[in-house]
C-alpha cells in the first residue's frame, strides 16, 4: 500500500481526529486515503476531507500488516550516553500526524534530563516538549506517544513529559535538513 492510495476499511475502527485530538469511529467500508505511515501509526484522509490517525494495532482495518515494534537505532555503548541515545532515538519514532517529520527534527523537544534512581540500574526521565501550535488537540496524543516509547526502554522506570510553550515553537527550531526537505530554505 502506498501513500495516496484509496483504501476501503475492512472493519469499524477507532481513530483520532487531527488536529482536534478527539476520538472518532470510522465505519466499515468507509473510503480513506493513506497520507502517511510513520512511527507505527497511520494518518488517513476520510471521505469527508478530515485527517485521522489510526493506531498500528488496527492496521488490519486498512488491509495492512501490523507494524513491527520500533526499537531504538543506536547500538548499546559503554558509558552513560547509551541510555540518552536510546531515548533520543525513541523520540525520533514519534511523528507529527500532519507533517511527515519526527518530533525531534521538528524541534519540539526542548530538554531531556535523565536521573539515576537509587540502586543505579533504573532511571527517571523528564522531557520538556512543545507543539507547533499551542492549541493543537494532538498534544496529549503526542505526549502519550513519547511517554510510552521512552518508558518501553530498558533502564527507564519513570517518564514525565511536560508541555511547555515558552519559548514558542517556530520553524527555526527545526533541523536544517528538515527545513530543506520541507522547502523552507
Protein backbone atom coordinates (compact mmCIF):
# COMPACT_ATOMS: atom_id res chain seq x y z
CA UNK A 1 0.00 0.00 0.00
CA UNK A 2 1.41 3.35 -0.97
CA UNK A 3 0.81 6.86 0.21
CA UNK A 4 -2.11 8.46 -1.60
CA UNK A 5 -3.87 5.16 -2.27
CA UNK A 6 -7.57 4.84 -1.59
CA UNK A 7 -8.45 2.13 0.94
CA UNK A 8 -11.83 0.66 1.88
CA UNK A 9 -11.88 -0.07 5.60
CA UNK A 10 -12.36 -3.77 6.32
CA UNK A 11 -13.95 -3.14 9.69
CA UNK A 12 -15.03 -0.36 12.02
CA UNK A 13 -12.01 1.30 13.61
CA UNK A 14 -11.34 3.89 16.29
CA UNK A 15 -9.25 6.84 15.15
CA UNK A 16 -8.17 10.23 16.43
CA UNK A 17 -9.36 13.30 14.56
CA UNK A 18 -6.48 15.60 13.57
CA UNK A 19 -5.82 18.28 14.80
CA UNK A 20 -8.65 18.14 17.36
CA UNK A 21 -7.39 15.05 19.20
CA UNK A 22 -10.95 13.74 19.55
CA UNK A 23 -11.65 10.02 19.23
CA UNK A 24 -13.93 9.11 16.33
CA UNK A 25 -15.22 5.91 14.77
CA UNK A 26 -14.58 5.24 11.10
CA UNK A 27 -17.24 2.89 9.79
CA UNK A 28 -16.57 -0.38 7.99
CA UNK A 29 -16.46 0.10 4.18
CA UNK A 30 -15.60 3.81 4.54
CA UNK A 31 -13.17 5.09 1.93
CA UNK A 32 -9.95 6.66 3.25
CA UNK A 33 -6.71 7.77 1.64
CA UNK A 34 -3.42 6.89 3.33
CA UNK A 35 -1.42 10.10 3.75
CA UNK A 36 1.40 8.81 5.96
CA UNK A 37 2.57 5.69 7.72
CA UNK A 38 5.26 6.62 10.23
CA UNK A 39 6.17 5.77 13.80
CA UNK A 40 3.81 2.80 13.98
CA UNK A 41 0.67 4.81 13.18
CA UNK A 42 -1.27 5.71 10.04
CA UNK A 43 -2.67 9.08 9.01
CA UNK A 44 -5.62 8.89 6.65
CA UNK A 45 -7.91 11.39 4.96
CA UNK A 46 -11.56 10.47 5.30
CA UNK A 47 -14.11 10.71 2.50
CA UNK A 48 -15.25 13.96 4.14
CA UNK A 49 -11.77 15.50 3.94
CA UNK A 50 -10.82 15.13 7.59
CA UNK A 51 -7.45 13.78 8.72
CA UNK A 52 -7.48 10.95 11.24
CA UNK A 53 -4.81 8.89 12.95
CA UNK A 54 -5.20 5.12 13.19
CA UNK A 55 -3.13 3.07 15.61
CA UNK A 56 -0.76 0.46 14.23
CA UNK A 57 -2.65 -2.24 16.17
CA UNK A 58 -5.63 -1.51 13.91
CA UNK A 59 -3.69 -1.86 10.65
CA UNK A 60 -5.82 -4.87 9.68
CA UNK A 61 -8.77 -2.50 9.16
CA UNK A 62 -6.65 -0.88 6.43
CA UNK A 63 -5.65 -4.24 4.98
CA UNK A 64 -2.07 -3.70 6.14
CA UNK A 65 0.34 -5.66 8.30
CA UNK A 66 0.76 -4.67 11.93
CA UNK A 67 3.94 -2.57 12.04
CA UNK A 68 6.94 -4.18 13.70
CA UNK A 69 7.68 -2.76 17.15
CA UNK A 70 10.00 0.19 16.84
CA UNK A 71 13.33 -0.26 18.52
CA UNK A 72 15.94 2.42 19.09
CA UNK A 73 18.59 2.52 16.38
CA UNK A 74 21.61 3.40 18.50
CA UNK A 75 23.72 0.40 19.43
CA UNK A 76 24.44 -0.02 23.12
CA UNK A 77 27.54 1.90 24.10
CA UNK A 78 29.72 1.84 27.12
CA UNK A 79 29.31 4.78 29.45
CA UNK A 80 26.42 6.99 30.42
CA UNK A 81 25.41 8.15 26.94
CA UNK A 82 23.88 4.84 25.83
CA UNK A 83 20.52 5.42 27.51
CA UNK A 84 20.49 9.04 26.40
CA UNK A 85 20.99 7.98 22.77
CA UNK A 86 18.27 5.35 23.07
CA UNK A 87 15.84 7.92 24.49
CA UNK A 88 16.51 10.38 21.66
CA UNK A 89 16.17 7.56 19.13
CA UNK A 90 12.86 6.50 20.68
CA UNK A 91 11.58 10.08 20.43
CA UNK A 92 12.60 10.10 16.76
CA UNK A 93 9.96 7.40 16.21
CA UNK A 94 7.21 9.85 17.26
CA UNK A 95 5.80 11.74 14.29
CA UNK A 96 3.64 14.78 13.85
CA UNK A 97 0.45 13.36 12.31
CA UNK A 98 0.13 16.24 9.82
CA UNK A 99 3.77 16.77 8.88
CA UNK A 100 5.78 13.66 7.91
CA UNK A 101 8.65 14.62 10.23
CA UNK A 102 9.59 13.23 13.62
CA UNK A 103 9.21 15.47 16.66
CA UNK A 104 12.96 15.70 17.31
CA UNK A 105 13.72 17.02 13.81
CA UNK A 106 10.73 19.38 14.11
CA UNK A 107 12.39 20.90 17.18
CA UNK A 108 9.54 20.01 19.54
CA UNK A 109 11.84 18.53 22.21
CA UNK A 110 13.40 21.28 24.32
CA UNK A 111 15.10 19.24 27.06
CA UNK A 112 15.64 15.66 28.12
CA UNK A 113 17.01 15.04 31.62
CA UNK A 114 17.98 11.61 32.91
CA UNK A 115 18.43 10.91 36.62
CA UNK A 116 19.63 7.62 38.05
CA UNK A 117 17.30 6.20 40.67
CA UNK A 118 18.53 4.57 43.88
CA UNK A 119 20.02 1.20 43.03
CA UNK A 120 21.61 2.51 39.86
CA UNK A 121 20.02 0.25 37.24
CA UNK A 122 16.88 2.35 36.60
CA UNK A 123 16.43 5.98 35.60
CA UNK A 124 13.84 8.70 35.71
CA UNK A 125 13.45 10.75 32.52
CA UNK A 126 11.96 14.24 32.36
CA UNK A 127 11.26 15.70 28.93
CA UNK A 128 10.13 19.23 28.06
CA UNK A 129 8.39 19.42 24.72
CA UNK A 130 6.20 21.83 22.83
CA UNK A 131 3.79 21.80 19.91
CA UNK A 132 3.86 23.58 16.58
CA UNK A 133 0.66 25.35 17.69
CA UNK A 134 -0.31 25.80 21.37
CA UNK A 135 -3.97 24.90 20.83
CA UNK A 136 -3.25 21.69 18.92
CA UNK A 137 -5.60 18.96 20.09
CA UNK A 138 -2.97 16.31 19.31
CA UNK A 139 -0.74 17.47 22.19
CA UNK A 140 -1.92 14.81 24.64
CA UNK A 141 -1.59 12.14 21.93
CA UNK A 142 2.00 13.12 21.10
CA UNK A 143 2.80 13.33 24.81
CA UNK A 144 1.47 9.79 25.37
CA UNK A 145 3.49 8.53 22.38
CA UNK A 146 6.69 9.94 23.87
CA UNK A 147 5.90 8.61 27.35
CA UNK A 148 5.13 5.11 26.07
CA UNK A 149 8.12 4.79 23.75
CA UNK A 150 10.60 6.10 26.32
CA UNK A 151 9.05 4.02 29.14
CA UNK A 152 9.45 0.88 27.00
CA UNK A 153 13.25 1.24 27.06
CA UNK A 154 15.32 -0.97 29.34
CA UNK A 155 16.63 1.08 32.24
CA UNK A 156 13.74 3.58 32.30
CA UNK A 157 11.19 3.23 35.09
CA UNK A 158 9.75 6.76 35.27
CA UNK A 159 8.91 9.18 32.45
CA UNK A 160 7.47 12.65 32.83
CA UNK A 161 6.72 14.76 29.77
CA UNK A 162 5.99 18.42 30.40
CA UNK A 163 4.29 20.51 27.71
CA UNK A 164 5.88 23.95 27.59
CA UNK A 165 5.09 26.88 25.35
CA UNK A 166 7.84 29.30 26.29
CA UNK A 167 9.70 29.87 24.13
CA UNK A 168 7.04 29.35 21.49
CA UNK A 169 7.87 26.95 18.68
CA UNK A 170 8.90 28.44 15.35
CA UNK A 171 10.30 26.94 12.13
CA UNK A 172 13.84 27.98 13.10
CA UNK A 173 13.77 25.22 15.74
CA UNK A 174 13.62 22.56 13.02
CA UNK A 175 16.83 20.93 11.93
CA UNK A 176 18.36 22.46 8.82
CA UNK A 177 17.84 19.19 6.93
CA UNK A 178 14.13 19.22 7.81
CA UNK A 179 13.70 22.84 6.73
CA UNK A 180 15.40 21.93 3.46
CA UNK A 181 13.16 18.84 2.99
CA UNK A 182 10.05 20.93 3.64
CA UNK A 183 11.16 23.65 1.23
CA UNK A 184 11.70 26.27 3.92
CA UNK A 185 15.33 27.01 2.93
